[in-house]
């Protein structure tokens, strides 16, 4: 019984923190403050911006690899190649997920364009954060 109480207490304390966390797409474009056309234009701009930031984060990661004086050229080449392959795999996954899965998850009906755009923004933002954490802040 005591363990059950502790679990419930932890859920009550931890869940509001997760509920308060906003998605990057919600931060970029607040639907409650924008009318339909402006909202979708905002999302399209945010997708372009997040794509640019993703490209910059990837380029920075490659530069970090290149700057490593402690590695042999063959090691750097292998690392760069694998980082390039990983980025390509991420983009393929992101595109497939956002095109084919995210639209079903929306509350506005199957195939919602909004869900695709918010998915792209959120996936790009997560990848940028991941690369920044591993290869240096943005």
N, C-alpha and C. Protein backbone atom coordinates (compact mmCIF):
# COMPACT_ATOMS: atom_id res chain seq x y z
N UNK A 1 0.83 -1.20 0.00
CA UNK A 1 0.00 0.00 0.00
C UNK A 1 0.86 1.26 0.00
N UNK A 2 1.92 1.23 0.80
CA UNK A 2 2.79 2.40 0.88
C UNK A 2 3.49 2.64 -0.47
N UNK A 3 3.91 1.58 -1.14
CA UNK A 3 4.57 1.72 -2.43
C UNK A 3 3.60 2.32 -3.45
N UNK A 4 2.35 1.91 -3.41
CA UNK A 4 1.31 2.45 -4.29
C UNK A 4 1.15 3.95 -4.05
N UNK A 5 1.13 4.36 -2.81
CA UNK A 5 1.00 5.77 -2.45
C UNK A 5 2.18 6.58 -3.01
N UNK A 6 3.38 6.03 -2.87
CA UNK A 6 4.58 6.72 -3.35
C UNK A 6 4.52 6.86 -4.88
N UNK A 7 4.08 5.81 -5.57
CA UNK A 7 3.95 5.88 -7.03
C UNK A 7 2.95 6.95 -7.46
N UNK A 8 1.83 6.99 -6.79
CA UNK A 8 0.81 7.99 -7.12
C UNK A 8 1.34 9.39 -6.84
N UNK A 9 2.02 9.55 -5.72
CA UNK A 9 2.59 10.86 -5.37
C UNK A 9 3.60 11.31 -6.43
N UNK A 10 4.44 10.40 -6.87
CA UNK A 10 5.41 10.74 -7.91
C UNK A 10 4.71 11.14 -9.21
N UNK A 11 3.68 10.43 -9.59
CA UNK A 11 2.93 10.78 -10.80
C UNK A 11 2.32 12.17 -10.69
N UNK A 12 1.78 12.48 -9.53
CA UNK A 12 1.16 13.79 -9.33
C UNK A 12 2.19 14.90 -9.41
N UNK A 13 3.39 14.63 -8.88
CA UNK A 13 4.43 15.65 -8.88
C UNK A 13 5.12 15.78 -10.23
N UNK A 14 5.30 14.67 -10.94
CA UNK A 14 6.06 14.68 -12.18
C UNK A 14 5.21 15.02 -13.39
N UNK A 15 3.99 14.53 -13.47
CA UNK A 15 3.15 14.72 -14.65
C UNK A 15 2.89 16.18 -15.01
N UNK A 16 2.64 17.07 -14.04
CA UNK A 16 2.45 18.47 -14.44
C UNK A 16 3.66 19.06 -15.15
N UNK A 17 4.86 18.61 -14.79
CA UNK A 17 6.05 19.11 -15.47
C UNK A 17 6.05 18.70 -16.93
N UNK A 18 5.63 17.46 -17.21
CA UNK A 18 5.55 17.01 -18.60
C UNK A 18 4.42 17.71 -19.34
N UNK A 19 3.31 17.91 -18.67
CA UNK A 19 2.16 18.55 -19.31
C UNK A 19 2.47 20.00 -19.66
N UNK A 20 3.29 20.66 -18.86
CA UNK A 20 3.62 22.06 -19.10
C UNK A 20 4.62 22.24 -20.25
N UNK A 21 5.34 21.17 -20.58
CA UNK A 21 6.33 21.26 -21.64
C UNK A 21 5.64 21.40 -23.00
N UNK A 22 6.00 22.44 -23.73
CA UNK A 22 5.37 22.69 -25.01
C UNK A 22 6.25 22.18 -26.14
N UNK A 23 5.63 21.73 -27.20
CA UNK A 23 6.35 21.26 -28.38
C UNK A 23 6.99 22.46 -29.08
N UNK A 24 8.13 22.24 -29.74
CA UNK A 24 8.76 23.34 -30.48
C UNK A 24 7.82 23.98 -31.50
N UNK A 25 6.97 23.19 -32.12
CA UNK A 25 6.03 23.74 -33.10
C UNK A 25 5.00 24.65 -32.43
N UNK A 26 4.61 24.33 -31.20
CA UNK A 26 3.68 25.19 -30.46
C UNK A 26 4.33 26.50 -30.05
N UNK A 27 5.61 26.43 -29.74
CA UNK A 27 6.34 27.64 -29.36
C UNK A 27 6.53 28.54 -30.58
N UNK A 28 6.85 27.93 -31.71
CA UNK A 28 7.09 28.70 -32.93
C UNK A 28 5.81 29.37 -33.44
N UNK A 29 4.70 28.65 -33.35
CA UNK A 29 3.43 29.15 -33.91
C UNK A 29 2.30 28.82 -32.94
N UNK A 30 1.88 29.81 -32.21
CA UNK A 30 0.80 29.62 -31.23
C UNK A 30 -0.54 29.72 -31.93
N UNK A 31 -1.20 28.59 -32.09
CA UNK A 31 -2.46 28.54 -32.83
C UNK A 31 -3.53 29.43 -32.21
N UNK A 32 -3.50 29.59 -30.90
CA UNK A 32 -4.53 30.39 -30.24
C UNK A 32 -4.38 31.88 -30.53
N UNK A 33 -3.23 32.28 -31.07
CA UNK A 33 -2.97 33.70 -31.34
C UNK A 33 -2.97 34.04 -32.82
N UNK A 34 -3.16 33.03 -33.68
CA UNK A 34 -3.10 33.26 -35.12
C UNK A 34 -4.36 32.74 -35.81
N UNK A 35 -4.79 33.46 -36.81
CA UNK A 35 -5.92 32.97 -37.62
C UNK A 35 -5.39 31.92 -38.59
N UNK A 36 -6.28 31.17 -39.20
CA UNK A 36 -5.92 29.99 -39.99
C UNK A 36 -4.80 30.24 -41.00
N UNK A 37 -4.97 31.19 -41.89
CA UNK A 37 -3.95 31.42 -42.93
C UNK A 37 -2.62 31.83 -42.31
N UNK A 38 -2.65 32.73 -41.35
CA UNK A 38 -1.42 33.17 -40.68
C UNK A 38 -0.75 32.02 -39.94
N UNK A 39 -1.57 31.17 -39.36
CA UNK A 39 -1.04 30.02 -38.63
C UNK A 39 -0.28 29.08 -39.58
N UNK A 40 -0.86 28.76 -40.72
CA UNK A 40 -0.21 27.87 -41.66
C UNK A 40 1.02 28.52 -42.29
N UNK A 41 0.98 29.81 -42.53
CA UNK A 41 2.17 30.51 -43.03
C UNK A 41 3.28 30.48 -41.99
N UNK A 42 2.90 30.64 -40.73
CA UNK A 42 3.87 30.56 -39.64
C UNK A 42 4.50 29.17 -39.60
N UNK A 43 3.67 28.12 -39.71
CA UNK A 43 4.19 26.75 -39.70
C UNK A 43 5.14 26.51 -40.87
N UNK A 44 4.79 26.99 -42.05
CA UNK A 44 5.65 26.80 -43.21
C UNK A 44 7.00 27.51 -43.02
N UNK A 45 6.96 28.71 -42.47
CA UNK A 45 8.19 29.43 -42.18
C UNK A 45 9.01 28.70 -41.12
N UNK A 46 8.34 28.20 -40.10
CA UNK A 46 9.03 27.47 -39.03
C UNK A 46 9.66 26.18 -39.56
N UNK A 47 9.02 25.51 -40.52
CA UNK A 47 9.62 24.32 -41.12
C UNK A 47 10.90 24.71 -41.85
N UNK A 48 10.84 25.77 -42.64
CA UNK A 48 12.05 26.24 -43.36
C UNK A 48 13.16 26.61 -42.37
N UNK A 49 12.79 27.32 -41.32
CA UNK A 49 13.79 27.72 -40.31
C UNK A 49 14.39 26.50 -39.61
N UNK A 50 13.54 25.54 -39.28
CA UNK A 50 14.06 24.35 -38.59
C UNK A 50 14.93 23.51 -39.52
N UNK A 51 14.60 23.48 -40.82
CA UNK A 51 15.46 22.80 -41.79
C UNK A 51 16.83 23.47 -41.87
N UNK A 52 16.82 24.81 -41.90
CA UNK A 52 18.08 25.55 -41.94
C UNK A 52 18.90 25.28 -40.69
N UNK A 53 18.26 25.32 -39.53
CA UNK A 53 18.96 25.05 -38.27
C UNK A 53 19.52 23.62 -38.23
N UNK A 54 18.77 22.68 -38.79
CA UNK A 54 19.23 21.30 -38.85
C UNK A 54 20.48 21.20 -39.72
N UNK A 55 20.46 21.85 -40.86
CA UNK A 55 21.63 21.86 -41.74
C UNK A 55 22.84 22.48 -41.06
N UNK A 56 22.63 23.56 -40.33
CA UNK A 56 23.73 24.22 -39.62
C UNK A 56 24.28 23.33 -38.50
N UNK A 57 23.41 22.66 -37.77
CA UNK A 57 23.84 21.77 -36.69
C UNK A 57 24.64 20.60 -37.25
N UNK A 58 24.18 20.06 -38.39
CA UNK A 58 24.90 18.96 -39.02
C UNK A 58 26.26 19.42 -39.51
N UNK A 59 26.32 20.59 -40.12
CA UNK A 59 27.60 21.12 -40.60
C UNK A 59 28.55 21.36 -39.44
N UNK A 60 28.02 21.85 -38.33
CA UNK A 60 28.86 22.09 -37.15
C UNK A 60 29.42 20.77 -36.62
N UNK A 61 28.59 19.73 -36.60
CA UNK A 61 29.06 18.42 -36.15
C UNK A 61 30.20 17.93 -37.04
N UNK A 62 30.06 18.10 -38.35
CA UNK A 62 31.13 17.69 -39.27
C UNK A 62 32.40 18.50 -39.02
N UNK A 63 32.24 19.78 -38.74
CA UNK A 63 33.41 20.63 -38.44
C UNK A 63 34.11 20.19 -37.16
N UNK A 64 33.33 19.76 -36.17
CA UNK A 64 33.92 19.26 -34.92
C UNK A 64 34.76 18.02 -35.21
N UNK A 65 34.24 17.14 -36.04
CA UNK A 65 35.00 15.94 -36.42
C UNK A 65 36.29 16.34 -37.12
N UNK A 66 36.19 17.26 -38.07
CA UNK A 66 37.37 17.70 -38.81
C UNK A 66 38.41 18.35 -37.91
N UNK A 67 37.99 19.00 -36.84
CA UNK A 67 38.91 19.73 -35.96
C UNK A 67 39.64 18.82 -34.98
N UNK A 68 39.26 17.56 -34.90
CA UNK A 68 39.88 16.64 -33.95
C UNK A 68 41.31 16.31 -34.39
N UNK A 69 42.29 16.88 -33.70
CA UNK A 69 43.69 16.65 -34.02
C UNK A 69 44.18 15.30 -33.53
N UNK A 70 43.44 14.69 -32.63
CA UNK A 70 43.86 13.42 -32.04
C UNK A 70 43.47 12.20 -32.88
N UNK A 71 42.81 12.43 -34.01
CA UNK A 71 42.36 11.32 -34.85
C UNK A 71 43.15 11.24 -36.14
N UNK A 72 43.35 10.03 -36.58
CA UNK A 72 44.00 9.82 -37.88
C UNK A 72 43.01 10.20 -38.98
N UNK A 73 43.52 10.61 -40.14
CA UNK A 73 42.62 10.98 -41.24
C UNK A 73 41.60 9.90 -41.58
N UNK A 74 42.00 8.64 -41.54
CA UNK A 74 41.07 7.57 -41.86
C UNK A 74 39.94 7.50 -40.83
N UNK A 75 40.25 7.79 -39.57
CA UNK A 75 39.22 7.80 -38.53
C UNK A 75 38.23 8.95 -38.77
N UNK A 76 38.76 10.11 -39.10
CA UNK A 76 37.90 11.27 -39.38
C UNK A 76 36.99 10.99 -40.58
N UNK A 77 37.57 10.40 -41.62
CA UNK A 77 36.79 10.09 -42.81
C UNK A 77 35.67 9.11 -42.48
N UNK A 78 35.99 8.09 -41.73
CA UNK A 78 34.98 7.09 -41.34
C UNK A 78 33.88 7.75 -40.51
N UNK A 79 34.27 8.57 -39.54
CA UNK A 79 33.30 9.24 -38.67
C UNK A 79 32.40 10.16 -39.50
N UNK A 80 33.02 10.95 -40.37
CA UNK A 80 32.23 11.85 -41.24
C UNK A 80 31.25 11.07 -42.10
N UNK A 81 31.73 9.99 -42.70
CA UNK A 81 30.86 9.18 -43.55
C UNK A 81 29.69 8.61 -42.76
N UNK A 82 29.95 8.14 -41.57
CA UNK A 82 28.87 7.58 -40.74
C UNK A 82 27.91 8.68 -40.27
N UNK A 83 28.45 9.85 -39.99
CA UNK A 83 27.59 10.98 -39.60
C UNK A 83 26.71 11.41 -40.77
N UNK A 84 27.27 11.40 -41.96
CA UNK A 84 26.49 11.73 -43.16
C UNK A 84 25.39 10.68 -43.38
N UNK A 85 25.75 9.42 -43.24
CA UNK A 85 24.77 8.34 -43.41
C UNK A 85 23.67 8.44 -42.36
N UNK A 86 24.06 8.72 -41.15
CA UNK A 86 23.08 8.85 -40.06
C UNK A 86 22.13 10.01 -40.34
N UNK A 87 22.66 11.11 -40.83
CA UNK A 87 21.81 12.26 -41.14
C UNK A 87 20.82 11.92 -42.25
N UNK A 88 21.31 11.21 -43.25
CA UNK A 88 20.42 10.79 -44.34
C UNK A 88 19.33 9.85 -43.83
N UNK A 89 19.70 8.93 -42.96
CA UNK A 89 18.71 8.02 -42.38
C UNK A 89 17.70 8.79 -41.53
N UNK A 90 18.18 9.77 -40.78
CA UNK A 90 17.26 10.59 -39.97
C UNK A 90 16.25 11.29 -40.87
N UNK A 91 16.73 11.90 -41.94
CA UNK A 91 15.84 12.66 -42.83
C UNK A 91 14.81 11.73 -43.48
N UNK A 92 15.24 10.56 -43.90
CA UNK A 92 14.29 9.60 -44.47
C UNK A 92 13.25 9.17 -43.44
N UNK A 93 13.70 8.88 -42.22
CA UNK A 93 12.76 8.52 -41.15
C UNK A 93 11.80 9.67 -40.86
N UNK A 94 12.36 10.89 -40.71
CA UNK A 94 11.53 12.06 -40.41
C UNK A 94 10.48 12.27 -41.48
N UNK A 95 10.89 12.22 -42.72
CA UNK A 95 9.95 12.44 -43.82
C UNK A 95 8.86 11.38 -43.85
N UNK A 96 9.25 10.13 -43.66
CA UNK A 96 8.27 9.04 -43.69
C UNK A 96 7.30 9.16 -42.51
N UNK A 97 7.85 9.40 -41.34
CA UNK A 97 7.03 9.54 -40.13
C UNK A 97 6.05 10.70 -40.27
N UNK A 98 6.55 11.84 -40.69
CA UNK A 98 5.71 13.04 -40.77
C UNK A 98 4.71 12.98 -41.92
N UNK A 99 5.05 12.30 -42.98
CA UNK A 99 4.14 12.20 -44.12
C UNK A 99 3.09 11.12 -43.93
N UNK A 100 3.48 10.01 -43.31
CA UNK A 100 2.61 8.83 -43.29
C UNK A 100 2.01 8.47 -41.95
N UNK A 101 2.60 8.91 -40.86
CA UNK A 101 2.09 8.56 -39.54
C UNK A 101 1.45 9.75 -38.84
N UNK A 102 2.15 10.86 -38.80
CA UNK A 102 1.66 12.03 -38.06
C UNK A 102 0.26 12.48 -38.47
N UNK A 103 -0.08 12.47 -39.75
CA UNK A 103 -1.43 12.92 -40.11
C UNK A 103 -2.55 12.11 -39.45
N UNK A 104 -2.30 10.86 -39.13
CA UNK A 104 -3.32 10.04 -38.46
C UNK A 104 -3.46 10.40 -36.98
N UNK A 105 -2.45 11.02 -36.43
CA UNK A 105 -2.44 11.32 -35.00
C UNK A 105 -3.16 12.62 -34.66
N UNK A 106 -3.51 13.39 -35.64
CA UNK A 106 -4.13 14.68 -35.40
C UNK A 106 -5.57 14.58 -34.93
N UNK A 107 -5.97 15.58 -34.24
CA UNK A 107 -7.34 15.66 -33.74
C UNK A 107 -8.29 16.25 -34.78
N UNK A 108 -7.72 16.75 -35.87
CA UNK A 108 -8.53 17.46 -36.86
C UNK A 108 -8.92 16.59 -38.04
N UNK A 109 -8.63 15.31 -37.95
CA UNK A 109 -8.99 14.42 -39.04
C UNK A 109 -7.76 13.83 -39.70
N UNK A 110 -7.96 12.73 -40.36
CA UNK A 110 -6.86 12.03 -41.01
C UNK A 110 -6.35 12.85 -42.18
N UNK A 111 -5.02 12.92 -42.29
CA UNK A 111 -4.39 13.63 -43.39
C UNK A 111 -4.24 15.11 -43.16
N UNK A 112 -4.32 15.54 -41.92
CA UNK A 112 -4.23 16.96 -41.61
C UNK A 112 -2.84 17.50 -41.95
N UNK A 113 -2.81 18.52 -42.79
CA UNK A 113 -1.56 19.16 -43.20
C UNK A 113 -0.83 19.75 -42.00
N UNK A 114 -1.60 20.24 -41.06
CA UNK A 114 -1.02 20.83 -39.84
C UNK A 114 -0.14 19.81 -39.11
N UNK A 115 -0.62 18.59 -39.00
CA UNK A 115 0.13 17.55 -38.28
C UNK A 115 1.46 17.27 -38.97
N UNK A 116 1.46 17.28 -40.28
CA UNK A 116 2.70 17.04 -41.02
C UNK A 116 3.71 18.14 -40.74
N UNK A 117 3.26 19.38 -40.79
CA UNK A 117 4.17 20.50 -40.56
C UNK A 117 4.69 20.51 -39.13
N UNK A 118 3.80 20.32 -38.16
CA UNK A 118 4.26 20.34 -36.76
C UNK A 118 5.21 19.19 -36.49
N UNK A 119 4.98 18.04 -37.12
CA UNK A 119 5.88 16.91 -36.97
C UNK A 119 7.27 17.26 -37.49
N UNK A 120 7.35 17.87 -38.66
CA UNK A 120 8.65 18.25 -39.23
C UNK A 120 9.40 19.21 -38.30
N UNK A 121 8.69 20.19 -37.78
CA UNK A 121 9.32 21.16 -36.88
C UNK A 121 9.83 20.46 -35.62
N UNK A 122 8.99 19.61 -35.04
CA UNK A 122 9.36 18.94 -33.79
C UNK A 122 10.51 17.96 -33.98
N UNK A 123 10.49 17.19 -35.07
CA UNK A 123 11.58 16.24 -35.34
C UNK A 123 12.89 16.98 -35.62
N UNK A 124 12.83 18.04 -36.43
CA UNK A 124 14.04 18.83 -36.70
C UNK A 124 14.60 19.42 -35.42
N UNK A 125 13.74 19.97 -34.59
CA UNK A 125 14.19 20.58 -33.34
C UNK A 125 14.85 19.55 -32.42
N UNK A 126 14.28 18.36 -32.36
CA UNK A 126 14.86 17.31 -31.53
C UNK A 126 16.23 16.90 -32.05
N UNK A 127 16.37 16.81 -33.36
CA UNK A 127 17.67 16.43 -33.95
C UNK A 127 18.70 17.51 -33.73
N UNK A 128 18.30 18.77 -33.87
CA UNK A 128 19.23 19.88 -33.62
C UNK A 128 19.70 19.83 -32.16
N UNK A 129 18.77 19.62 -31.25
CA UNK A 129 19.12 19.54 -29.83
C UNK A 129 20.07 18.37 -29.57
N UNK A 130 19.81 17.24 -30.21
CA UNK A 130 20.67 16.07 -30.06
C UNK A 130 22.09 16.36 -30.57
N UNK A 131 22.19 16.90 -31.78
CA UNK A 131 23.50 17.21 -32.34
C UNK A 131 24.23 18.26 -31.51
N UNK A 132 23.51 19.27 -31.04
CA UNK A 132 24.13 20.31 -30.22
C UNK A 132 24.65 19.72 -28.90
N UNK A 133 23.91 18.80 -28.33
CA UNK A 133 24.35 18.16 -27.09
C UNK A 133 25.58 17.29 -27.27
N UNK A 134 25.71 16.71 -28.43
CA UNK A 134 26.84 15.80 -28.70
C UNK A 134 28.05 16.50 -29.29
N UNK A 135 27.83 17.56 -30.06
CA UNK A 135 28.93 18.20 -30.78
C UNK A 135 29.14 19.67 -30.42
N UNK A 136 28.42 20.15 -29.45
CA UNK A 136 28.59 21.54 -29.03
C UNK A 136 27.35 22.35 -29.28
N UNK A 137 27.08 23.28 -28.37
CA UNK A 137 25.88 24.11 -28.43
C UNK A 137 25.76 24.92 -29.69
N UNK A 138 24.53 25.31 -29.98
CA UNK A 138 24.27 26.11 -31.19
C UNK A 138 24.28 27.58 -30.89
